[in-house]
């Protein structure tokens, strides 16, 4: 009997060691893949943002090197993340013209929704685009401009022509259409864009004038 117990313990120990080694190797492989691909993923995200800049503000509307006229800002309450958010600054004949502000809707249905918000110098919206999300295909993913025109509702709105009470979906008494079968997602984006406009309103001069070039 004692031999049987000993053999069982040895077998359990052996299996435990094998499982431990397997877990260690798997973790190592995952970490290695992450380290190898993280820069490429970051570059692809950056390239995606860059492509969308000129969807919001046409290249013919500004004449500076926008990719090197940018800065990072942080405001978790109004920009939805404790991480620094990128701001691209657009100018025309050395005059401030518009900014493209990165922001985050932290309360999407399936998690964070990353956005870029274009704001003209006068505080009106040039446009909004979603750069990253995990919303439900066929429902929440209609926030993508490629899937529907829902996101175009923000164009030309501002805190002046759209009072605070209007920054809600229509079923909540606001002025924005929702998405069929998906209300949480639009609510999150509307709130994030409204807060981004609030941030811009209180930091306009700093956003355009403070030196803090992207590295």
Protein backbone atom coordinates (compact mmCIF):
# COMPACT_ATOMS: atom_id res chain seq x y z
CA UNK A 1 0.00 0.00 0.00
CA UNK A 2 2.81 2.38 0.94
CA UNK A 3 4.52 1.70 -2.41
CA UNK A 4 1.32 2.56 -4.25
CA UNK A 5 0.96 5.84 -2.34
CA UNK A 6 4.60 6.67 -3.06
CA UNK A 7 4.17 5.97 -6.76
CA UNK A 8 1.04 8.11 -6.89
CA UNK A 9 2.85 10.99 -5.20
CA UNK A 10 5.77 10.66 -7.60
CA UNK A 11 3.41 10.63 -10.56
CA UNK A 12 1.58 13.68 -9.25
CA UNK A 13 4.87 15.48 -8.68
CA UNK A 14 6.05 14.60 -12.18
CA UNK A 15 2.80 15.79 -13.73
CA UNK A 16 2.96 18.99 -11.69
CA UNK A 17 6.49 19.68 -12.90
CA UNK A 18 5.47 19.03 -16.52
CA UNK A 19 2.46 21.33 -16.23
CA UNK A 20 4.58 23.99 -14.57
CA UNK A 21 7.19 23.82 -17.32
CA UNK A 22 4.48 23.94 -19.96
CA UNK A 23 2.95 27.03 -18.36
CA UNK A 24 6.38 28.65 -18.09
CA UNK A 25 7.19 27.98 -21.73
CA UNK A 26 3.75 29.19 -22.87
CA UNK A 27 4.11 32.39 -20.85
CA UNK A 28 7.57 32.92 -22.28
CA UNK A 29 6.32 32.46 -25.84
CA UNK A 30 3.43 34.89 -25.29
CA UNK A 31 5.82 37.47 -23.82
CA UNK A 32 8.24 37.00 -26.71
CA UNK A 33 5.50 37.42 -29.32
CA UNK A 34 4.29 40.56 -27.53
CA UNK A 35 7.77 42.07 -27.46
CA UNK A 36 8.31 41.25 -31.13
CA UNK A 37 4.96 42.63 -32.30
CA UNK A 38 4.19 45.51 -29.93
CA UNK A 39 6.13 48.10 -31.94
CA UNK A 40 4.51 46.96 -35.17
CA UNK A 41 1.05 47.09 -33.60
CA UNK A 42 1.75 50.57 -32.26
CA UNK A 43 2.93 51.68 -35.71
CA UNK A 44 -0.20 50.27 -37.35
CA UNK A 45 -2.42 52.08 -34.85
CA UNK A 46 -0.50 55.30 -35.48
CA UNK A 47 -0.81 54.81 -39.24
CA UNK A 48 -4.56 54.25 -38.85
CA UNK A 49 -4.86 57.51 -36.92
CA UNK A 50 -2.79 59.34 -39.52
CA UNK A 51 -5.07 58.14 -42.32
CA UNK A 52 -8.10 59.44 -40.47
CA UNK A 53 -6.64 62.90 -39.86
CA UNK A 54 -7.34 63.96 -43.41
CA UNK A 55 -10.82 62.43 -43.29
CA UNK A 56 -11.63 64.95 -40.56
CA UNK A 57 -9.66 67.98 -41.78
CA UNK A 58 -8.70 67.97 -45.45
CA UNK A 59 -5.01 68.33 -46.26
CA UNK A 60 -5.83 71.40 -48.36
CA UNK A 61 -7.09 73.18 -45.24
CA UNK A 62 -3.73 73.38 -43.45
CA UNK A 63 -0.13 73.89 -44.55
CA UNK A 64 2.07 72.89 -41.60
CA UNK A 65 3.79 69.57 -40.93
CA UNK A 66 1.05 68.31 -38.63
CA UNK A 67 2.87 65.09 -37.72
CA UNK A 68 5.65 67.12 -36.07
CA UNK A 69 3.44 69.87 -34.69
CA UNK A 70 1.87 67.93 -31.87
CA UNK A 71 1.96 67.38 -28.15
CA UNK A 72 0.70 65.09 -25.38
CA UNK A 73 -1.86 66.06 -22.76
CA UNK A 74 -3.30 64.24 -19.77
CA UNK A 75 -6.69 64.64 -18.13
CA UNK A 76 -8.41 61.45 -16.99
CA UNK A 77 -11.70 63.16 -16.13
CA UNK A 78 -12.22 64.82 -19.51
CA UNK A 79 -10.15 62.64 -21.85
CA UNK A 80 -11.11 59.28 -20.35
CA UNK A 81 -7.64 57.90 -19.63
CA UNK A 82 -4.75 58.42 -17.26
CA UNK A 83 -2.42 57.85 -20.21
CA UNK A 84 -1.16 60.87 -22.21
CA UNK A 85 -3.33 61.65 -25.23
CA UNK A 86 -1.89 62.98 -28.47
CA UNK A 87 -2.89 66.31 -29.97
CA UNK A 88 -2.12 67.21 -33.60
CA UNK A 89 -2.11 70.92 -34.37
CA UNK A 90 -3.10 72.27 -37.77
CA UNK A 91 -2.24 75.73 -38.99
CA UNK A 92 -2.85 77.74 -42.13
CA UNK A 93 -0.42 80.56 -43.02
CA UNK A 94 0.88 80.45 -39.44
CA UNK A 95 -2.60 80.94 -38.01
CA UNK A 96 -4.18 78.39 -35.69
CA UNK A 97 -6.73 76.40 -37.65
CA UNK A 98 -7.72 73.13 -35.93
CA UNK A 99 -6.58 70.34 -33.64
CA UNK A 100 -7.09 66.61 -33.71
CA UNK A 101 -7.39 65.40 -30.12
CA UNK A 102 -7.11 61.77 -29.05
CA UNK A 103 -9.56 60.76 -26.35
CA UNK A 104 -11.13 57.65 -24.84
CA UNK A 105 -14.70 56.63 -24.08
CA UNK A 106 -13.98 54.32 -21.11
CA UNK A 107 -17.52 52.99 -20.79
CA UNK A 108 -18.32 51.34 -24.11
CA UNK A 109 -20.41 48.18 -24.11
CA UNK A 110 -17.37 45.96 -24.68
CA UNK A 111 -14.73 48.19 -23.10
CA UNK A 112 -12.77 51.28 -24.03
CA UNK A 113 -13.43 53.05 -27.31
CA UNK A 114 -10.56 55.17 -28.62
CA UNK A 115 -11.41 58.24 -30.67
CA UNK A 116 -9.89 61.19 -32.43
CA UNK A 117 -11.87 64.41 -32.28
CA UNK A 118 -11.26 67.23 -34.76
CA UNK A 119 -11.98 70.70 -33.41
CA UNK A 120 -11.71 73.96 -35.35
CA UNK A 121 -10.20 77.02 -33.71
CA UNK A 122 -13.68 78.41 -33.00
CA UNK A 123 -14.63 75.31 -30.98
CA UNK A 124 -16.83 73.61 -33.58
CA UNK A 125 -16.32 69.98 -34.48
CA UNK A 126 -14.60 69.15 -37.74
CA UNK A 127 -15.45 65.51 -37.19
CA UNK A 128 -14.97 62.40 -35.06
CA UNK A 129 -13.53 59.01 -35.90
CA UNK A 130 -13.19 55.78 -33.92
CA UNK A 131 -9.64 54.40 -34.01
CA UNK A 132 -10.00 51.33 -31.79
CA UNK A 133 -12.88 49.39 -30.20
CA UNK A 134 -14.22 45.93 -29.36
CA UNK A 135 -17.91 46.59 -29.86
CA UNK A 136 -20.33 43.91 -31.07
CA UNK A 137 -20.12 43.21 -34.83
CA UNK A 138 -23.32 44.18 -36.62
CA UNK A 139 -24.48 46.39 -33.74
CA UNK A 140 -22.00 48.54 -31.87
CA UNK A 141 -19.41 48.42 -34.63
CA UNK A 142 -21.57 50.77 -36.70
CA UNK A 143 -19.65 53.54 -34.95
CA UNK A 144 -17.00 52.87 -37.62
CA UNK A 145 -17.35 55.28 -40.52
CA UNK A 146 -16.77 52.34 -42.87
CA UNK A 147 -19.89 50.63 -41.48
CA UNK A 148 -22.35 53.53 -41.26
CA UNK A 149 -22.66 57.33 -41.25
CA UNK A 150 -23.68 57.47 -37.57
CA UNK A 151 -20.45 59.21 -36.54
CA UNK A 152 -21.16 62.09 -38.95
CA UNK A 153 -23.77 63.46 -36.52
CA UNK A 154 -21.00 65.27 -34.67
CA UNK A 155 -19.89 67.39 -37.64
CA UNK A 156 -20.15 71.18 -37.03
CA UNK A 157 -21.59 70.78 -33.53
CA UNK A 158 -20.15 72.80 -30.68
CA UNK A 159 -20.88 73.67 -27.07
CA UNK A 160 -22.42 76.90 -28.37
CA UNK A 161 -24.91 75.46 -30.84
CA UNK A 162 -25.66 72.28 -28.90
CA UNK A 163 -26.47 72.90 -25.20
CA UNK A 164 -25.44 70.34 -22.59
CA UNK A 165 -28.92 68.79 -22.46
CA UNK A 166 -28.67 67.90 -26.16
CA UNK A 167 -25.57 65.71 -25.74
CA UNK A 168 -27.56 62.53 -25.27
CA UNK A 169 -29.29 59.99 -27.49
CA UNK A 170 -32.86 60.91 -28.40
CA UNK A 171 -34.39 58.26 -26.13
CA UNK A 172 -32.69 60.05 -23.21
CA UNK A 173 -34.05 63.42 -24.30
CA UNK A 174 -31.03 64.47 -26.35
CA UNK A 175 -30.35 65.28 -29.99
CA UNK A 176 -28.43 62.25 -31.24
CA UNK A 177 -29.66 59.14 -33.00
CA UNK A 178 -28.76 55.89 -31.29
CA UNK A 179 -27.81 52.64 -33.01
CA UNK A 180 -30.44 49.96 -33.45
CA UNK A 181 -29.93 47.39 -30.70
CA UNK A 182 -26.99 49.24 -29.21
CA UNK A 183 -27.54 52.25 -26.96
CA UNK A 184 -24.65 51.97 -24.51
CA UNK A 185 -22.05 52.46 -27.24
CA UNK A 186 -23.51 55.75 -28.61
CA UNK A 187 -23.98 57.08 -25.09
CA UNK A 188 -20.32 56.46 -24.33
CA UNK A 189 -19.09 58.20 -27.48
CA UNK A 190 -21.42 61.18 -27.16
CA UNK A 191 -20.27 61.73 -23.59
CA UNK A 192 -16.60 61.39 -24.57
CA UNK A 193 -16.91 63.91 -27.41
CA UNK A 194 -18.79 66.35 -25.17
CA UNK A 195 -16.03 66.13 -22.55
CA UNK A 196 -13.34 66.54 -25.22
CA UNK A 197 -15.01 69.79 -26.31
CA UNK A 198 -15.07 70.88 -22.68
CA UNK A 199 -11.36 70.16 -22.38
CA UNK A 200 -10.67 72.13 -25.55
CA UNK A 201 -12.73 75.07 -24.34
CA UNK A 202 -10.68 75.37 -21.16
CA UNK A 203 -7.27 74.75 -22.74
CA UNK A 204 -7.48 76.29 -26.21
CA UNK A 205 -4.46 78.58 -25.94
CA UNK A 206 -2.30 75.95 -24.29
CA UNK A 207 -3.19 73.36 -26.93
CA UNK A 208 -2.17 75.64 -29.77
CA UNK A 209 0.72 77.58 -28.27
CA UNK A 210 2.58 75.60 -25.63
CA UNK A 211 5.79 74.02 -26.91
CA UNK A 212 5.77 70.29 -26.40
CA UNK A 213 6.66 68.64 -29.72
CA UNK A 214 6.13 64.95 -30.26
CA UNK A 215 9.26 62.89 -29.97
